[in-house]
Protein backbone atom coordinates (compact mmCIF):
# COMPACT_ATOMS: atom_id res chain seq x y z
CA UNK A 1 0.00 0.00 0.00
CA UNK A 2 1.10 3.55 -0.72
CA UNK A 3 2.03 5.56 2.38
CA UNK A 4 3.07 8.81 0.71
CA UNK A 5 4.48 10.27 -2.50
CA UNK A 6 6.64 13.39 -2.77
CA UNK A 7 7.65 15.28 -5.91
CA UNK A 8 9.84 18.33 -6.46
CA UNK A 9 10.68 20.31 -9.61
CA UNK A 10 8.32 18.53 -11.99
CA UNK A 11 6.03 20.44 -14.36
CA UNK A 12 4.00 22.86 -12.19
CA UNK A 13 5.60 21.66 -8.93
CA UNK A 14 8.57 23.88 -8.15
CA UNK A 15 8.78 23.09 -4.44
CA UNK A 16 8.32 19.71 -2.72
CA UNK A 17 4.70 18.60 -2.26
CA UNK A 18 3.48 15.39 -0.64
CA UNK A 19 0.33 13.33 -1.12
CA UNK A 20 -0.11 11.31 2.07
CA UNK A 21 -2.29 8.22 2.45
CA UNK A 22 -1.74 8.12 6.21
CA UNK A 23 -5.01 8.26 8.13
CA UNK A 24 -5.10 11.06 10.69
CA UNK A 25 -6.83 10.76 14.06
CA UNK A 26 -10.17 12.18 12.89
CA UNK A 27 -13.15 9.98 13.71
CA UNK A 28 -15.28 9.95 10.55
CA UNK A 29 -15.59 6.82 8.37
CA UNK A 30 -13.20 4.88 10.63
CA UNK A 31 -14.38 1.58 9.16
CA UNK A 32 -12.84 2.44 5.79
CA UNK A 33 -9.33 2.90 7.19
CA UNK A 34 -7.04 -0.01 6.28
CA UNK A 35 -4.89 -1.35 9.12
CA UNK A 36 -1.54 -2.97 8.26
CA UNK A 37 0.57 -3.70 11.32
CA UNK A 38 0.84 -0.43 13.20
CA UNK A 39 -0.01 1.59 10.10
CA UNK A 40 -3.42 3.10 9.33
CA UNK A 41 -3.83 3.95 5.67
CA UNK A 42 -6.53 5.44 3.47
CA UNK A 43 -8.05 3.46 0.58
CA UNK A 44 -8.94 6.53 -1.52
CA UNK A 45 -7.67 10.06 -2.13
CA UNK A 46 -9.48 12.59 -4.34
CA UNK A 47 -7.88 15.73 -5.76
CA UNK A 48 -9.77 18.92 -6.69
CA UNK A 49 -8.57 22.11 -8.30
CA UNK A 50 -9.15 24.63 -11.05
CA UNK A 51 -8.22 23.88 -14.64
CA UNK A 52 -4.43 24.16 -15.08
CA UNK A 53 -3.92 24.18 -11.31
CA UNK A 54 -1.74 21.05 -11.45
CA UNK A 55 -4.09 18.33 -10.22
CA UNK A 56 -3.33 16.15 -13.27
CA UNK A 57 0.37 16.67 -12.61
CA UNK A 58 0.05 14.80 -9.31
CA UNK A 59 -1.02 11.70 -11.25
CA UNK A 60 1.53 12.36 -14.00
CA UNK A 61 4.35 12.62 -11.46
CA UNK A 62 3.50 9.26 -9.89
CA UNK A 63 3.08 7.71 -13.34
CA UNK A 64 6.46 9.05 -14.47
CA UNK A 65 8.24 7.70 -11.41
CA UNK A 66 6.65 4.32 -12.06
CA UNK A 67 7.61 4.40 -15.75
CA UNK A 68 11.20 5.43 -15.02
CA UNK A 69 11.55 2.50 -12.63
CA UNK A 70 9.98 0.00 -15.02
CA UNK A 71 11.90 1.13 -18.13
CA UNK A 72 15.25 2.16 -16.65
CA UNK A 73 17.17 -1.02 -17.44
CA UNK A 74 16.12 -0.81 -21.11
CA UNK A 75 17.65 2.61 -21.80
CA UNK A 76 20.52 2.92 -24.25
CA UNK A 77 23.76 4.32 -22.77
CA UNK A 78 23.31 7.83 -24.22
CA UNK A 79 19.51 7.95 -24.10
CA UNK A 80 17.99 10.89 -22.25
CA UNK A 81 15.65 10.49 -19.30
CA UNK A 82 12.14 11.95 -19.32
CA UNK A 83 12.94 15.24 -17.63
CA UNK A 84 10.20 17.89 -17.34
CA UNK A 85 11.16 20.44 -14.67
CA UNK A 86 9.40 23.63 -13.57
CA UNK A 87 10.12 26.11 -16.37
CA UNK A 88 8.65 29.36 -15.03
CA UNK A 89 11.75 30.66 -13.30
CA UNK A 90 15.43 30.92 -14.16
CA UNK A 91 16.77 28.31 -11.76
CA UNK A 92 14.57 25.20 -11.74
CA UNK A 93 15.45 24.03 -15.24
CA UNK A 94 19.04 23.72 -14.03
CA UNK A 95 18.01 21.62 -11.02
CA UNK A 96 17.08 17.93 -10.75
CA UNK A 97 13.60 16.48 -10.49
CA UNK A 98 13.13 14.49 -7.28
CA UNK A 99 10.70 11.68 -6.51
CA UNK A 100 10.29 9.88 -3.18
CA UNK A 101 7.77 7.19 -2.35
CA UNK A 102 7.00 5.18 0.77
CA UNK A 103 4.95 2.00 0.62
CA UNK A 104 4.18 -1.24 2.43
CA UNK A 105 5.13 -4.55 0.85
CA UNK A 106 5.35 -7.98 2.51
CA UNK A 107 5.25 -6.59 6.07
CA UNK A 108 8.01 -4.09 5.36
CA UNK A 109 7.78 -0.34 4.86
CA UNK A 110 10.09 0.81 2.06
CA UNK A 111 11.24 4.34 1.28
CA UNK A 112 12.68 4.76 -2.19
CA UNK A 113 13.67 7.89 -4.06
CA UNK A 114 15.91 9.39 -6.69
CA UNK A 115 16.89 12.72 -8.26
CA UNK A 116 17.79 13.13 -11.92
CA UNK A 117 18.08 15.47 -14.86
CA UNK A 118 17.88 14.79 -18.58
CA UNK A 119 21.23 13.02 -18.78
CA UNK A 120 21.75 11.02 -15.60
CA UNK A 121 20.70 9.85 -12.14
CA UNK A 122 22.11 12.25 -9.55
CA UNK A 123 21.13 10.41 -6.37
CA UNK A 124 19.19 7.28 -5.41
CA UNK A 125 18.41 5.49 -2.16
CA UNK A 126 16.39 2.68 -0.61
CA UNK A 127 15.46 2.26 3.06
CA UNK A 128 13.46 -0.50 4.74
CA UNK A 129 11.62 -0.80 8.04
CA UNK A 130 10.31 -4.33 8.73
CA UNK A 131 7.11 -4.59 10.78
CA UNK A 132 7.98 -4.84 14.47
CA UNK A 133 11.28 -2.93 14.11
CA UNK A 134 11.89 0.65 15.23
CA UNK A 135 14.88 1.79 13.21
CA UNK A 136 14.84 2.25 9.44
CA UNK A 137 17.55 0.27 7.62
CA UNK A 138 19.68 1.96 4.99
CA UNK A 139 19.89 -0.58 2.14
CA UNK A 140 21.83 1.57 -0.31
CA UNK A 141 22.77 5.17 -1.04
CA UNK A 142 23.96 6.48 -4.38
CA UNK A 143 25.39 9.92 -5.13
CA UNK A 144 26.42 10.19 -8.79
CA UNK A 145 28.94 7.31 -9.13
CA UNK A 146 29.51 6.86 -5.39
CA UNK A 147 27.68 3.97 -3.70
CA UNK A 148 27.20 2.90 -0.11
CA UNK A 149 25.64 -0.57 0.04
CA UNK A 150 24.69 -2.42 3.22
CA UNK A 151 26.43 -5.79 3.46
CA UNK A 152 23.96 -6.93 6.10
CA UNK A 153 20.71 -5.82 4.49
CA UNK A 154 21.38 -5.45 0.75
CA UNK A 155 24.18 -7.83 -0.15
CA UNK A 156 22.39 -8.52 -3.45
CA UNK A 157 23.65 -5.13 -4.70
CA UNK A 158 27.34 -5.61 -3.94
CA UNK A 159 29.63 -5.53 -7.02
CA UNK A 160 26.82 -4.38 -9.32
CA UNK A 161 27.75 -0.69 -9.17
CA UNK A 162 29.94 -0.93 -12.27
CA UNK A 163 27.07 -2.46 -14.25
CA UNK A 164 24.87 0.58 -13.59
CA UNK A 165 25.09 3.20 -16.33
CA UNK A 166 24.70 6.88 -15.41
CA UNK A 167 21.15 7.05 -16.82
CA UNK A 168 19.92 3.85 -15.17
CA UNK A 169 18.53 3.22 -11.70
CA UNK A 170 20.64 0.95 -9.51
CA UNK A 171 17.51 -0.72 -8.11
CA UNK A 172 16.47 -1.96 -11.54
CA UNK A 173 19.93 -3.34 -12.34
CA UNK A 174 20.03 -5.32 -9.08
CA UNK A 175 16.57 -6.70 -9.89
CA UNK A 176 17.89 -7.86 -13.28
CA UNK A 177 20.40 -9.96 -11.36
CA UNK A 178 17.56 -11.54 -9.34
CA UNK A 179 18.05 -9.56 -6.16
CA UNK A 180 15.35 -10.65 -3.71
CA UNK A 181 14.52 -7.26 -2.21
CA UNK A 182 14.91 -5.31 -5.44
CA UNK A 183 12.56 -7.70 -7.26
CA UNK A 184 9.94 -7.23 -4.53
CA UNK A 185 10.17 -3.46 -4.93
CA UNK A 186 9.96 -3.76 -8.72
CA UNK A 187 6.94 -6.02 -8.39
CA UNK A 188 5.22 -3.40 -6.25
CA UNK A 189 5.86 -0.75 -8.91
CA UNK A 190 4.50 -3.10 -11.59
CA UNK A 191 1.07 -2.81 -9.97
CA UNK A 192 1.34 0.93 -9.23
CA UNK A 193 -0.69 1.92 -12.27
CA UNK A 194 -2.05 5.14 -13.75
CA UNK A 195 -4.74 5.44 -16.40
CA UNK A 196 -6.25 8.34 -18.32
CA UNK A 197 -9.96 8.67 -17.67
CA UNK A 198 -10.52 10.63 -20.87
CA UNK A 199 -8.64 8.32 -23.25
CA UNK A 200 -9.62 4.97 -21.74
CA UNK A 201 -10.02 3.01 -25.00
CA UNK A 202 -6.53 1.52 -24.81
CA UNK A 203 -7.40 -0.32 -21.59
CA UNK A 204 -10.22 -2.33 -23.13
CA UNK A 205 -7.70 -4.92 -24.35
CA UNK A 206 -6.30 -5.31 -20.84
CA UNK A 207 -9.82 -5.49 -19.38
CA UNK A 208 -11.00 -8.20 -21.75
CA UNK A 209 -7.78 -10.17 -21.35
CA UNK A 210 -8.25 -10.02 -17.57
CA UNK A 211 -11.88 -11.12 -17.88
CA UNK A 212 -10.84 -14.04 -20.09
CA UNK A 213 -8.14 -15.27 -17.70
CA UNK A 214 -9.50 -14.40 -14.26
CA UNK A 215 -13.01 -15.62 -13.57
CA UNK A 216 -13.11 -13.82 -10.22
CA UNK A 217 -12.54 -10.41 -11.81
CA UNK A 218 -15.00 -11.17 -14.61
CA UNK A 219 -17.74 -12.16 -12.15
CA UNK A 220 -17.06 -9.14 -9.92
CA UNK A 221 -17.26 -6.82 -12.91
CA UNK A 222 -20.52 -8.36 -14.15
CA UNK A 223 -22.02 -7.90 -10.69
CA UNK A 224 -20.88 -4.28 -10.72
CA UNK A 225 -22.40 -3.70 -14.17
CA UNK A 226 -25.72 -5.13 -12.95
CA UNK A 227 -25.72 -2.99 -9.79
CA UNK A 228 -25.06 0.21 -11.74
CA UNK A 229 -27.85 -0.57 -14.25
CA UNK A 230 -25.88 0.28 -17.37
CA UNK A 231 -28.74 -0.80 -19.64
CA UNK A 232 -27.59 -4.23 -20.79
CA UNK A 233 -28.31 -7.66 -19.34
CA UNK A 234 -24.91 -9.28 -19.61
CA UNK A 235 -21.50 -8.98 -21.22
CA UNK A 236 -20.14 -11.90 -23.21
CA UNK A 237 -16.74 -12.39 -24.82
CA UNK A 238 -15.97 -13.55 -28.36
CA UNK A 239 -12.67 -13.89 -30.22
CA UNK A 240 -11.77 -11.81 -33.27
CA UNK A 241 -8.67 -10.93 -35.33
CA UNK A 242 -6.31 -8.22 -34.07
CA UNK A 243 -7.14 -4.99 -35.93
CA UNK A 244 -5.15 -1.83 -36.68
CA UNK A 245 -7.61 0.19 -34.58
CA UNK A 246 -6.92 -2.13 -31.63
CA UNK A 247 -3.14 -1.73 -32.00
CA UNK A 248 -3.48 2.06 -32.29
CA UNK A 249 -5.57 2.19 -29.10
CA UNK A 250 -2.98 0.06 -27.29
CA UNK A 251 -0.35 2.79 -27.84
CA UNK A 252 -2.04 4.83 -25.10
CA UNK A 253 -1.14 2.42 -22.30
CA UNK A 254 2.22 1.67 -20.59
CA UNK A 255 4.65 -0.60 -22.43
CA UNK A 256 4.59 -3.40 -19.86
CA UNK A 257 0.76 -3.48 -19.79
CA UNK A 258 0.61 -3.47 -23.60
CA UNK A 259 3.13 -6.32 -23.71
CA UNK A 260 1.00 -8.43 -21.34
CA UNK A 261 -2.12 -7.88 -23.43
CA UNK A 262 -0.41 -8.76 -26.72
CA UNK A 263 1.19 -11.83 -25.16
CA UNK A 264 -2.28 -12.96 -24.13
CA UNK A 265 -3.53 -12.70 -27.72
CA UNK A 266 -4.31 -16.23 -28.89
CA UNK A 267 -2.77 -16.82 -32.36
CA UNK A 268 -3.56 -13.28 -33.45
CA UNK A 269 -7.00 -13.37 -31.87
CA UNK A 270 -8.25 -10.94 -29.25
CA UNK A 271 -11.41 -10.80 -27.18
CA UNK A 272 -14.32 -8.62 -28.34
CA UNK A 273 -17.09 -7.70 -25.88
CA UNK A 274 -20.76 -8.09 -26.74
CA UNK A 275 -23.58 -6.76 -24.60
CA UNK A 276 -26.94 -8.52 -24.48
CA UNK A 277 -30.24 -6.65 -24.56
CA UNK A 278 -33.88 -7.67 -24.27
CA UNK A 279 -36.02 -7.86 -27.41
CA UNK A 280 -39.63 -6.69 -26.99
CA UNK A 281 -42.86 -7.23 -28.93
CA UNK A 282 -45.33 -4.46 -29.78
CA UNK A 283 -46.98 -4.90 -26.37
CA UNK A 284 -43.73 -4.25 -24.51
CA UNK A 285 -43.28 -7.85 -23.41
CA UNK A 286 -39.84 -9.47 -23.50
CA UNK A 287 -39.72 -12.06 -26.28
CA UNK A 288 -35.99 -12.75 -26.44
CA UNK A 289 -32.46 -11.48 -26.05
CA UNK A 290 -29.85 -10.38 -28.58
CA UNK A 291 -26.10 -9.72 -28.37
CA UNK A 292 -24.61 -6.60 -29.96
CA UNK A 293 -20.98 -5.48 -30.32
CA UNK A 294 -20.33 -3.21 -27.37
CA UNK A 295 -18.72 -0.59 -29.62
CA UNK A 296 -21.90 -0.25 -31.69
CA UNK A 297 -24.59 -0.35 -29.02
CA UNK A 298 -23.31 1.34 -25.87
CA UNK A 299 -22.83 5.00 -24.94
CA UNK A 300 -19.42 6.60 -24.38
CA UNK A 301 -19.97 6.50 -20.63
CA UNK A 302 -20.98 2.83 -20.58
CA UNK A 303 -18.01 1.93 -22.77
CA UNK A 304 -15.67 3.78 -20.40
CA UNK A 305 -17.03 1.85 -17.41
CA UNK A 306 -16.35 -1.42 -19.24
CA UNK A 307 -12.89 -0.28 -20.40
CA UNK A 308 -11.62 0.77 -16.96
CA UNK A 309 -13.30 -2.07 -15.07
CA UNK A 310 -10.30 -4.32 -15.80
CA UNK A 311 -7.77 -2.04 -14.06
CA UNK A 312 -10.28 -1.39 -11.26
CA UNK A 313 -10.97 -5.04 -10.43
CA UNK A 314 -7.38 -6.13 -11.08
CA UNK A 315 -6.34 -3.51 -8.50
CA UNK A 316 -8.94 -4.74 -5.99
CA UNK A 317 -7.92 -8.39 -6.43
CA UNK A 318 -4.18 -7.65 -6.07
CA UNK A 319 -4.48 -5.05 -3.30
CA UNK A 320 -2.60 -2.67 -5.57
CA UNK A 321 -2.72 1.08 -6.29
CA UNK A 322 -4.65 2.67 -9.17
CA UNK A 323 -4.36 6.32 -10.19
CA UNK A 324 -6.94 7.80 -12.56
CA UNK A 325 -6.67 11.18 -14.25
CA UNK A 326 -10.20 12.60 -14.75
CA UNK A 327 -12.11 9.61 -13.36
CA UNK A 328 -15.43 11.41 -13.79
CA UNK A 329 -15.01 12.18 -17.51
CA UNK A 330 -18.01 10.77 -19.47
CA UNK A 331 -19.47 9.27 -16.28
CA UNK A 332 -22.69 10.05 -14.44
CA UNK A 333 -21.89 11.18 -10.86
CA UNK A 334 -23.60 8.06 -9.47
CA UNK A 335 -21.26 5.84 -11.49
CA UNK A 336 -18.22 7.68 -10.16
CA UNK A 337 -19.60 7.27 -6.65
CA UNK A 338 -20.10 3.54 -7.23
CA UNK A 339 -16.47 3.11 -8.30
CA UNK A 340 -15.30 4.97 -5.20
CA UNK A 341 -17.51 2.76 -3.01
CA UNK A 342 -15.72 -0.35 -4.29
CA UNK A 343 -12.54 0.89 -2.60
CA UNK A 344 -14.15 2.48 0.46
CA UNK A 345 -16.20 -0.58 1.44
CA UNK A 346 -13.99 -2.92 3.55
CA UNK A 347 -16.24 -5.87 2.69
CA UNK A 348 -15.42 -5.37 -1.01
CA UNK A 349 -11.88 -4.04 -0.72
CA UNK A 350 -10.55 -6.91 1.35
CA UNK A 351 -6.91 -6.66 0.17
CA UNK A 352 -6.25 -2.99 0.93
CA UNK A 353 -6.34 -1.67 -2.64
CA UNK A 354 -6.05 2.09 -3.13
CA UNK A 355 -7.60 4.54 -5.60
CA UNK A 356 -6.18 8.01 -6.24
CA UNK A 357 -7.98 10.26 -8.70
CA UNK A 358 -8.69 13.84 -9.65
CA UNK A 359 -12.10 15.20 -10.57
CA UNK A 360 -14.35 18.24 -11.00
CA UNK A 361 -17.36 16.33 -9.63
CA UNK A 362 -18.30 18.30 -6.51
CA UNK A 363 -21.13 15.86 -5.71
CA UNK A 364 -18.46 13.74 -4.00
CA UNK A 365 -17.51 16.54 -1.60
CA UNK A 366 -19.54 15.21 1.29
CA UNK A 367 -18.68 13.66 4.64
CA UNK A 368 -20.82 10.65 3.70
CA UNK A 369 -18.31 9.69 0.99
CA UNK A 370 -14.92 10.96 2.19
CA UNK A 371 -12.97 11.80 5.31
CA UNK A 372 -11.36 15.23 5.44
CA UNK A 373 -7.89 13.67 5.14
CA UNK A 374 -8.92 12.06 1.83
CA UNK A 375 -9.85 15.33 0.12
CA UNK A 376 -6.96 17.21 -1.51
CA UNK A 377 -6.69 20.48 -3.40
CA UNK A 378 -4.21 21.96 -5.88
CA UNK A 379 -3.72 25.70 -6.19
CA UNK A 380 -1.08 27.83 -7.87
CA UNK A 381 0.78 30.59 -6.05
CA UNK A 382 1.70 33.99 -7.52
CA UNK A 383 4.69 32.39 -9.30
CA UNK A 384 2.47 29.72 -10.92
CA UNK A 385 3.91 26.93 -8.77
CA UNK A 386 1.39 24.33 -7.58
CA UNK A 387 0.71 23.71 -3.91
CA UNK A 388 -1.02 20.52 -2.71
CA UNK A 389 -2.92 20.42 0.58
CA UNK A 390 -5.65 18.36 2.24
CA UNK A 391 -8.90 19.54 3.77
CA UNK A 392 -7.91 18.20 7.19
CA UNK A 393 -4.83 20.47 7.33
CA UNK A 394 -6.58 23.54 5.89
CA UNK A 395 -7.34 26.53 8.16
CA UNK A 396 -9.95 29.16 7.35
CA UNK A 397 -9.43 32.93 7.45
CA UNK A 398 -9.90 32.87 11.25
CA UNK A 399 -7.28 30.16 11.70
CA UNK A 400 -9.82 27.44 12.46
CA UNK A 401 -9.72 23.93 11.03
CA UNK A 402 -12.63 22.77 8.88
CA UNK A 403 -15.30 20.95 10.90
CA UNK A 404 -16.69 17.62 9.75
CA UNK A 405 -20.24 19.01 9.73
CA UNK A 406 -19.28 21.77 7.27
CA UNK A 407 -20.84 21.84 3.80
CA UNK A 408 -17.73 20.79 1.86
CA UNK A 409 -19.27 21.19 -1.60
CA UNK A 410 -20.83 24.62 -0.99
CA UNK A 411 -17.74 25.96 0.76
CA UNK A 412 -15.48 24.70 -2.04
CA UNK A 413 -17.60 26.27 -4.80
CA UNK A 414 -17.69 29.54 -2.86
CA UNK A 415 -13.89 29.55 -2.75
CA UNK A 416 -13.48 28.99 0.97
CA UNK A 417 -10.79 26.34 0.41
CA UNK A 418 -9.15 28.03 -2.59
CA UNK A 419 -8.35 25.74 -5.55
CA UNK A 420 -11.05 27.19 -7.84
CA UNK A 421 -10.83 29.51 -10.87
CA UNK A 422 -11.59 33.20 -10.37
CA UNK A 423 -14.74 34.06 -12.31
CA UNK A 424 -16.01 37.53 -11.50
CA UNK A 425 -19.68 37.99 -10.69
CA UNK A 426 -20.48 34.37 -9.81
CA UNK A 427 -21.48 33.54 -6.26
CA UNK A 428 -24.06 31.58 -4.34
CA UNK A 429 -24.61 34.55 -2.05
């Protein structure tokens, strides 16, 4: 499970900002808090903000860290890293981008981070704190070409320094040599996934492949479709030839996910979804049922629900982390709420899966759906640098914290929490 993520000098983030999944001591919705050892973590975080305030950049930062980790060992010696610093001052473009993440994996809390620019890794480190221990263990430290590796706790990395090129992450090289700890960390990143809620078509291949191979996920998704009353009776799967349109759509998703989907293709065949609908006579009585290609019969919103259901239920089954940019795009607010409920309900989310998403849907800003420490805002300062803060840490103009019985939605729209565009002449008052 994700504990926190910190980013500095990336896109609109000039200064360090942290998204924390640690549950604070507030009392609301206590049943949704996930307990792992002595840690209390949140299953969902939602991010609000004006257009161009940087809320998508939170997701993009986490996705980039994940992609750098997963692709690092494949880089050519002189290949540049994906470097996108804050460009609106004279100094930041000369400074490194920094990522740090803390997460739980196999009863150990790991803290991993690195700094880099376009040409090379500047620093990198990994710490571990096993459950039941008090002191964090330093597994390795890297500063440019200087390494400090623990013989007691990270012997798998010894003598691999020389095999690590300047633009590659040491962690990924050790994992290539079957390091036990490094492979566990890499496996965690494999299931630390981000998807685009606007361009979700590329995930349909993953979804249908998951449905075909994992009956549990398929049955859970069908139950979800029925509960949300999407307008069809059932979804059935049929095989068809791989098309150019399918391959083009697959370009939108991460390389490792695309590779898994294409490997699952059976002799050039992929799965096509069909939705079944009732057939009626002129009296309105049901006289039969017919299957239609999902792409021809269903609305954009229904198709999106089907397309992202694979990542959603794969995340729930694995107890992984899913990040969604613009979750609410094309969706009715009740559908968005249903997806959130999958993660908030401890009877459904039995493995401690986490959902992080941004949205403009203010219907969700209610104490019935979220704790105050789950609601986050992005706002730019006078230098156009993004700040990230949660509702639980926000203080009003009198210095008071926000009460749980406040009207979150109304106060947000009226600008009490910041993080909204300035539009003169509009007010609820």
